[in-house]
Amino acid sequence: MLKESLFRIMIAAIIIFSLGACSSGGTAELSADLKNEKENVSVLKTENGNLKNEIEQLKKEIDELKNGPDKLLAAGKLQFENEDLNGLNTTLSSLQSKHPDSEHIATLADLSAQMTKEIEEKNKRIAAEAKAKEEEEKARLAAATGKMRKEYDEITERTFYNDKTSAKFVNSNSFHIYFGTKDGSSPWLRLAIRYTGDDWVFMDGYTIKADDETYTVSPSYGEIQRDNGYSGVWEYYDGNVAKYEMDMIKAIISSKKTIIRHQGDQFHYDRTVTAAEKKALQNVLDAYKAMGGVEPS
C-alpha cells in the first residue's frame, strides 16, 4: 500500500511539473505576440504622423499656389478691371491676413481707394443727372398744364382740361383728348372725334391708320351724336380712353402720317391728323400725368 501511494504521488508530481512547463511556454509565446503588436502599433503611429505632416505641407503648398502674394495681386488687379470693389477688398483683406509683410498690400490698397473714389463720383454724377432729369420733367409737365384750357361745370362740380388749340365746339373736324377731375380725385381721360361738313356720313365707327398700324374705334349704339345747323351737319363721338385707345393715341403722336376714316354704311370721310393735333395730344397726356393721371392698363 505504501509503495502504491508513493507511486501515485510521483505520478501527480510529474503531471503537475508537466503542466507548469506547458503554462510557462504559452505565457512566453503570448508575451512575444503582444510585444510584436505593440511594435506594429508604434510603427503605424509614426507613419500616420508622418503622413499627416506631409498632408499639412501639401495644403500649405496648395494654399501658396492659390493665395500666394503674386496670385492675390493678379486676382486683385483683375477685380479692379472688372470694377468688382467687393471682390477687390476681399482679396486685399486676404493678402493682409496671409502675407502681412507683402509689398503688394500697398498696390491693392491704392487700387481699392481709386475704385472707391471712381464709384462715388459715378454715383454722384448719376444722382445729379437723375435730379436734373426729374426737375426737367417737372418743368415740362408744369408747362404742359399751363397749355390747358380749364372749364369748370358748377352743376356737376367737375373740371375739364383741353389743350388750348383744340376746338371748343362739336361742329368741327377734330381728333383730340381731354381729361376731367372732381374733388381732387384722379383724373380720367376722354377721346373726342368730330366731323362737320355739308353732307351726312351717318358714321358708325372709325378706322385710324397711323403709318403701318391700323386701329378701329367701334362705339356702341347711340354713342355717336348728330346735329345740324345753318353751317352744315356734324357728327361726333366722345368716349373713355382704355389701354387700346392709349396705344392708338401714342402711335398717332409718333407717326409720320395718320389718316382717320369716319365710316358709315354707305359713305365715309377721310381726314389727315394735323401736326397741331398731334402736339395737342402730347400736351394733354403731359398735363394728365402732371395731375396724377395713370395710363390705362
Protein backbone atom coordinates (compact mmCIF):
# COMPACT_ATOMS: atom_id res chain seq x y z
CA MET A 1 0.00 0.00 0.00
CA LEU A 2 2.81 2.38 0.89
CA LYS A 3 4.53 1.70 -2.42
CA GLU A 4 1.31 2.27 -4.30
CA SER A 5 0.76 5.60 -2.50
CA LEU A 6 4.30 6.73 -3.27
CA PHE A 7 3.80 5.78 -6.91
CA ARG A 8 0.65 7.85 -7.12
CA ILE A 9 2.37 10.84 -5.54
CA MET A 10 5.21 10.59 -8.05
CA ILE A 11 2.77 10.42 -10.94
CA ALA A 12 0.91 13.51 -9.65
CA ALA A 13 4.18 15.38 -9.22
CA ILE A 14 5.19 14.58 -12.79
CA ILE A 15 1.83 15.73 -14.12
CA ILE A 16 1.99 18.99 -12.16
CA PHE A 17 5.52 19.59 -13.38
CA SER A 18 4.49 18.97 -16.96
CA LEU A 19 1.52 21.35 -16.71
CA GLY A 20 3.70 24.03 -15.21
CA ALA A 21 6.18 23.68 -18.00
CA CYS A 22 3.41 23.99 -20.64
CA SER A 23 1.91 27.03 -18.94
CA SER A 24 5.23 28.78 -18.79
CA GLY A 25 5.84 28.21 -22.53
CA GLY A 26 2.38 29.52 -23.54
CA THR A 27 2.81 32.65 -21.47
CA ALA A 28 6.15 33.34 -23.11
CA GLU A 29 4.66 33.00 -26.61
CA LEU A 30 1.73 35.29 -25.71
CA SER A 31 4.10 37.86 -24.31
CA ALA A 32 6.12 37.81 -27.53
CA ASP A 33 2.98 38.31 -29.66
CA LEU A 34 1.88 41.26 -27.56
CA LYS A 35 5.30 42.82 -27.90
CA ASN A 36 5.16 42.45 -31.67
CA GLU A 37 1.71 44.06 -31.80
CA LYS A 38 2.89 46.99 -29.72
CA GLU A 39 5.81 47.47 -32.05
CA ASN A 40 3.48 47.39 -35.09
CA VAL A 41 1.14 49.94 -33.48
CA SER A 42 4.09 52.19 -32.74
CA VAL A 43 5.25 51.95 -36.35
CA LEU A 44 1.76 52.74 -37.63
CA LYS A 45 1.50 55.73 -35.32
CA THR A 46 4.82 57.01 -36.59
CA GLU A 47 3.80 56.51 -40.23
CA ASN A 48 0.41 58.17 -39.58
CA GLY A 49 2.12 61.15 -38.01
CA ASN A 50 4.47 61.44 -40.95
CA LEU A 51 1.52 61.23 -43.36
CA LYS A 52 -0.31 63.98 -41.51
CA ASN A 53 2.74 66.18 -41.71
CA GLU A 54 3.03 65.54 -45.42
CA ILE A 55 -0.67 66.39 -45.89
CA GLU A 56 -0.29 69.64 -43.96
CA GLN A 57 2.75 70.53 -46.03
CA LEU A 58 0.82 69.83 -49.25
CA LYS A 59 -2.03 72.01 -48.01
CA LYS A 60 0.39 74.82 -47.36
CA GLU A 61 1.90 74.42 -50.82
CA ILE A 62 -1.54 74.39 -52.45
CA ASP A 63 -2.61 77.43 -50.45
CA GLU A 64 0.59 79.15 -51.51
CA LEU A 65 -0.15 78.37 -55.14
CA LYS A 66 -3.69 79.71 -54.80
CA ASN A 67 -3.17 82.51 -52.31
CA GLY A 68 0.43 83.49 -52.67
CA PRO A 69 1.19 87.23 -52.80
CA ASP A 70 1.60 87.24 -56.58
CA LYS A 71 -1.61 85.27 -57.11
CA LEU A 72 -3.60 87.60 -54.86
CA LEU A 73 -2.10 90.63 -56.60
CA ALA A 74 -3.13 89.27 -60.01
CA ALA A 75 -6.64 88.50 -58.72
CA GLY A 76 -6.98 91.99 -57.25
CA LYS A 77 -5.91 93.66 -60.50
CA LEU A 78 -8.46 91.60 -62.43
CA GLN A 79 -11.19 92.59 -59.98
CA PHE A 80 -10.15 96.22 -60.41
CA GLU A 81 -10.50 95.92 -64.18
CA ASN A 82 -13.95 94.36 -63.73
CA GLU A 83 -14.97 97.11 -61.28
CA ASP A 84 -15.58 94.50 -58.57
CA LEU A 85 -14.89 96.56 -55.45
CA ASN A 86 -16.22 93.97 -53.01
CA GLY A 87 -14.05 91.27 -54.54
CA LEU A 88 -11.01 93.55 -54.53
CA ASN A 89 -11.48 94.43 -50.86
CA THR A 90 -11.88 90.74 -50.00
CA THR A 91 -8.63 89.94 -51.83
CA LEU A 92 -6.86 92.81 -50.08
CA SER A 93 -8.07 91.55 -46.70
CA SER A 94 -6.82 88.05 -47.53
CA LEU A 95 -3.42 89.39 -48.58
CA GLN A 96 -3.12 91.39 -45.35
CA SER A 97 -4.04 88.33 -43.30
CA LYS A 98 -1.89 85.75 -45.07
CA HIS A 99 1.07 87.93 -46.05
CA PRO A 100 1.19 90.93 -43.72
CA ASP A 101 4.66 91.92 -44.91
CA SER A 102 3.90 91.75 -48.65
CA GLU A 103 4.72 94.81 -50.71
CA HIS A 104 1.61 94.09 -52.81
CA ILE A 105 -0.66 95.28 -49.98
CA ALA A 106 0.05 98.92 -50.83
CA THR A 107 -0.69 98.26 -54.53
CA LEU A 108 -4.10 96.68 -53.86
CA ALA A 109 -4.92 99.33 -51.24
CA ASP A 110 -4.25 102.05 -53.85
CA LEU A 111 -6.45 100.26 -56.39
CA SER A 112 -9.23 99.92 -53.82
CA ALA A 113 -9.05 103.61 -52.93
CA GLN A 114 -9.04 104.58 -56.62
CA MET A 115 -12.05 102.41 -57.41
CA THR A 116 -13.93 103.66 -54.35
CA LYS A 117 -13.40 107.25 -55.47
CA GLU A 118 -14.46 106.48 -59.04
CA ILE A 119 -17.64 104.73 -57.85
CA GLU A 120 -18.51 107.61 -55.53
CA GLU A 121 -18.01 110.11 -58.35
CA LYS A 122 -20.07 107.96 -60.70
CA ASN A 123 -22.90 107.66 -58.17
CA LYS A 124 -22.85 111.42 -57.59
CA ARG A 125 -22.97 112.02 -61.33
CA ILE A 126 -25.87 109.58 -61.78
CA ALA A 127 -27.74 111.17 -58.88
CA ALA A 128 -27.16 114.64 -60.30
CA GLU A 129 -28.33 113.57 -63.76
CA ALA A 130 -31.42 111.90 -62.27
CA LYS A 131 -32.24 115.01 -60.26
CA ALA A 132 -31.74 117.25 -63.30
CA LYS A 133 -33.96 114.98 -65.36
CA GLU A 134 -36.59 114.98 -62.63
CA GLU A 135 -36.54 118.77 -62.45
CA GLU A 136 -36.72 118.98 -66.23
CA GLU A 137 -39.70 116.63 -66.23
CA LYS A 138 -41.45 118.67 -63.54
CA ALA A 139 -40.87 121.84 -65.52
CA ARG A 140 -42.10 120.22 -68.71
CA LEU A 141 -45.24 118.90 -67.05
CA ALA A 142 -45.90 122.23 -65.36
CA ALA A 143 -45.56 123.93 -68.72
CA ALA A 144 -47.92 121.37 -70.23
CA THR A 145 -50.55 122.12 -67.57
CA GLY A 146 -50.24 125.79 -68.44
CA LYS A 147 -51.18 124.92 -72.02
CA MET A 148 -54.59 123.63 -70.95
CA ARG A 149 -57.94 125.39 -71.31
CA LYS A 150 -59.71 124.91 -67.99
CA GLU A 151 -63.50 124.69 -67.82
CA TYR A 152 -65.48 124.21 -64.59
CA ASP A 153 -69.01 122.80 -64.50
CA GLU A 154 -70.78 124.18 -61.43
CA ILE A 155 -73.65 121.67 -61.68
CA THR A 156 -71.54 118.51 -61.77
CA GLU A 157 -68.62 120.14 -59.90
CA ARG A 158 -66.22 118.72 -62.44
CA THR A 159 -63.30 120.47 -64.10
CA PHE A 160 -62.24 119.62 -67.64
CA TYR A 161 -58.88 120.29 -69.26
CA ASN A 162 -58.48 120.66 -73.03
CA ASP A 163 -55.46 121.78 -74.98
CA LYS A 164 -55.87 125.46 -75.84
CA THR A 165 -55.59 124.65 -79.56
CA SER A 166 -58.41 122.07 -79.52
CA ALA A 167 -61.78 123.18 -80.89
CA LYS A 168 -64.31 124.27 -78.27
CA PHE A 169 -67.45 123.22 -80.12
CA VAL A 170 -68.68 119.94 -81.56
CA ASN A 171 -69.35 121.36 -85.03
CA SER A 172 -65.70 120.95 -86.02
CA ASN A 173 -63.31 118.48 -87.58
CA SER A 174 -61.16 117.36 -84.71
CA PHE A 175 -59.39 114.42 -83.12
CA HIS A 176 -58.33 115.20 -79.59
CA ILE A 177 -58.27 114.02 -75.99
CA TYR A 178 -59.06 115.81 -72.76
CA PHE A 179 -59.38 114.88 -69.09
CA GLY A 180 -61.63 115.68 -66.16
CA THR A 181 -61.27 115.84 -62.38
CA LYS A 182 -63.59 116.18 -59.42
CA ASP A 183 -62.92 116.89 -55.75
CA GLY A 184 -59.23 116.17 -56.09
CA SER A 185 -59.81 112.65 -57.41
CA SER A 186 -57.54 111.06 -60.00
CA PRO A 187 -58.21 112.49 -63.47
CA TRP A 188 -59.82 110.44 -66.22
CA LEU A 189 -59.13 110.62 -69.95
CA ARG A 190 -61.64 111.05 -72.76
CA LEU A 191 -61.35 110.77 -76.54
CA ALA A 192 -63.27 113.09 -78.86
CA ILE A 193 -63.65 112.50 -82.63
CA ARG A 194 -65.65 115.14 -84.50
CA TYR A 195 -66.83 115.64 -88.06
CA THR A 196 -68.56 118.57 -89.72
CA GLY A 197 -69.48 119.09 -93.36
CA ASP A 198 -72.26 119.73 -95.78
CA ASP A 199 -73.42 116.11 -96.03
CA TRP A 200 -74.22 113.40 -93.52
CA VAL A 201 -71.94 110.39 -93.28
CA PHE A 202 -74.11 108.54 -90.76
CA MET A 203 -70.93 107.05 -89.39
CA ASP A 204 -70.98 104.09 -87.03
CA GLY A 205 -67.22 103.70 -86.43
CA TYR A 206 -63.74 104.91 -87.18
CA THR A 207 -60.63 103.39 -88.75
CA ILE A 208 -57.35 105.05 -87.86
CA LYS A 209 -54.20 104.26 -89.86
CA ALA A 210 -51.04 105.55 -88.17
CA ASP A 211 -48.21 104.79 -90.60
CA ASP A 212 -48.39 100.97 -90.87
CA GLU A 213 -50.56 100.44 -87.78
CA THR A 214 -54.34 100.25 -88.09
CA TYR A 215 -56.78 100.79 -85.22
CA THR A 216 -60.56 100.79 -85.02
CA VAL A 217 -62.93 102.63 -82.74
CA SER A 218 -66.35 100.99 -82.62
CA PRO A 219 -68.77 102.99 -80.46
CA SER A 220 -71.85 101.32 -79.05
CA TYR A 221 -75.25 102.22 -80.48
CA GLY A 222 -76.19 105.79 -79.63
CA GLU A 223 -72.69 106.93 -78.64
CA ILE A 224 -72.21 108.86 -81.90
CA GLN A 225 -74.27 112.05 -81.72
CA ARG A 226 -75.62 114.01 -84.72
CA ASP A 227 -76.88 117.53 -85.18
CA ASN A 228 -77.13 120.22 -87.80
CA GLY A 229 -77.43 123.97 -88.19
CA TYR A 230 -77.05 126.82 -90.63
CA SER A 231 -73.37 125.98 -91.06
CA GLY A 232 -73.93 122.35 -92.00
CA VAL A 233 -74.14 118.99 -90.22
CA TRP A 234 -71.95 117.44 -87.57
CA GLU A 235 -71.43 114.02 -86.08
CA TYR A 236 -69.26 113.41 -83.05
CA TYR A 237 -68.13 110.74 -80.62
CA ASP A 238 -66.94 111.17 -77.01
CA GLY A 239 -65.73 108.09 -75.11
CA ASN A 240 -63.41 106.76 -72.44
CA VAL A 241 -59.74 106.01 -73.10
CA ALA A 242 -58.73 102.44 -72.27
CA LYS A 243 -55.38 100.74 -72.96
CA TYR A 244 -56.24 100.09 -76.62
CA GLU A 245 -57.09 103.72 -77.24
CA MET A 246 -53.99 104.82 -75.32
CA ASP A 247 -51.78 102.67 -77.56
CA MET A 248 -53.51 104.20 -80.59
CA ILE A 249 -53.00 107.75 -79.32
CA LYS A 250 -49.28 107.14 -78.75
CA ALA A 251 -48.97 105.65 -82.23
CA ILE A 252 -50.65 108.74 -83.73
CA ILE A 253 -48.35 111.10 -81.81
CA SER A 254 -45.21 109.36 -83.09
CA SER A 255 -46.49 108.72 -86.62
CA LYS A 256 -45.36 110.49 -89.77
CA LYS A 257 -48.88 110.35 -91.15
CA THR A 258 -52.23 109.37 -89.66
CA ILE A 259 -55.49 109.16 -91.59
CA ILE A 260 -58.88 108.91 -89.88
CA ARG A 261 -61.74 107.33 -91.79
CA HIS A 262 -65.18 108.24 -90.49
CA GLN A 263 -67.02 105.13 -91.66
CA GLY A 264 -70.73 104.78 -92.41
CA ASP A 265 -72.75 102.07 -94.10
CA GLN A 266 -72.73 103.86 -97.45
CA PHE A 267 -70.41 106.80 -97.05
CA HIS A 268 -67.12 107.65 -95.43
CA TYR A 269 -64.99 110.71 -94.83
CA ASP A 270 -61.19 110.68 -94.62
CA ARG A 271 -59.08 113.28 -92.90
CA THR A 272 -55.37 113.54 -92.02
CA VAL A 273 -54.48 114.33 -88.42
CA THR A 274 -52.56 117.59 -88.34
CA ALA A 275 -49.21 118.27 -86.63
CA ALA A 276 -51.02 120.68 -84.30
CA GLU A 277 -53.43 117.92 -83.27
CA LYS A 278 -50.54 115.55 -82.54
CA LYS A 279 -48.87 118.21 -80.40
CA ALA A 280 -52.13 118.80 -78.56
CA LEU A 281 -52.44 115.06 -77.85
CA GLN A 282 -48.98 115.07 -76.25
CA ASN A 283 -49.71 118.24 -74.28
CA VAL A 284 -52.83 116.69 -72.77
CA LEU A 285 -51.00 113.48 -71.87
CA ASP A 286 -48.28 115.51 -70.17
CA ALA A 287 -50.77 117.59 -68.20
CA TYR A 288 -52.78 114.47 -67.33
CA LYS A 289 -49.65 112.85 -65.91
CA ALA A 290 -48.68 116.04 -64.07
CA MET A 291 -52.02 115.99 -62.27
CA GLY A 292 -51.64 112.38 -61.13
CA GLY A 293 -53.18 110.59 -64.07
CA VAL A 294 -52.21 106.97 -64.66
CA GLU A 295 -52.09 105.30 -68.06
CA PRO A 296 -54.82 102.67 -68.53
CA SER A 297 -53.55 99.10 -68.28
